[in-house]
Amino acid sequence: ILTILGNAAVLATAVKRSSLLKSPELLTVNLAVADLGMALSMYPLAIASAWNHAWLGGEASCVYYALMGFLFGVCSMMTLCAMAVIRFLVTNSPKSNSNKITKNTVCILIAFIWLYSLLWAILPLVGWGYYGPEPFGISCTIAWSKFHNSSNGFSFILSMFLLCTVLPALTIIACYLGIAWKVHKAYQEIQNIDRIPNAAKLEKKLTLMAVLISVGFLSSWTPYAAASFWSLFNSSDSLQPVVTLLPCLFAKSSTAYNPFIYYVFSKTFRCEIRKLQCCCGWRVPYVSSDSSAGNAVSIMWSG
């Protein structure tokens, strides 16, 4: 419920502000689409299976569930990676070159992200890797436990781990470390000034917000990755069902975090949410006395 309401609000806000959206903000919209797609395509089936105490449907529904999870998961990871790279480029580029990342460029990048994610998602369907049920039996994913005796499956996992997890994660970390160093140097240069420029404050806020988005995603999926790789080299029976269930639930919770981060860090997003609430007939005290809330300042809440 939180995932659907939160990300639907992000998309509604983006549609309303479509003419004011900056190029990097399209990646935030893409991230919300991936999170919302995961919630709508997967969670109802998993919840119904939990109430049933067993997986509903046969092999076809299991493959569908696993494919959707892999598709949207890789898409989210690669979108976060692209956000970090673009944020790094914008931060380290002169103002004269900061507008060279156009909306068309970002749209092409988003199309590549979806094609890349789709390619990895369909590889198990054509014979490289496998999809199967989770050890606790009420959801499906990549069949990790089949891979320790299969060179085919192991090569798929190793390639996927490097190209869809390790390299994007290292890229995200390297980009934000570079941004942090740049911001630190900028603050050192203006430390003798009584009032820090608003641009520097905004830069720090956007960087912190982007870091929190990435940290939330990576920390949510790390326990699941650890449990999955344990089952790669050990029997899945060595782990209690609850030990494999909790990391899975924690990973799925990653789709609900981002709208709350936007709400805390973006004044523009808060104002738009209040307007949406008023349009829905909810009683929300909102006074639009700050003319900067609706003008072209348009804080880039995507980070």
Foldseek 3Di string as FASTA:
>chain_A
DLLQVLLVLVLVLCVVCVVLAFQLLVLVNQLSVLLNQLCVQAVVQLVVLVVVQAHPDDPVSQLSNQLSCQLSLLLNLVSLLVSLVLLLCLLPDPPVCNRVCHNVNSVVVSVVSNVVSNVLSCVCVVPQFHKDAFPSHRHIHTPLLVQLPPPSNVVSVVVCCVPRPVVSVVSNVVSLVSLVVSLVVVCVVCVPPPDDDPVSVLSVLLSVLSVVLVCLQCVLQVQQVVLSVVSNNDPNVVDDSVSNVVSVVSNSCSSNPNSVSLCVRPPLSVLSVVVVCVVVVHDDDDDPPPPVSPDSPPRSSSD
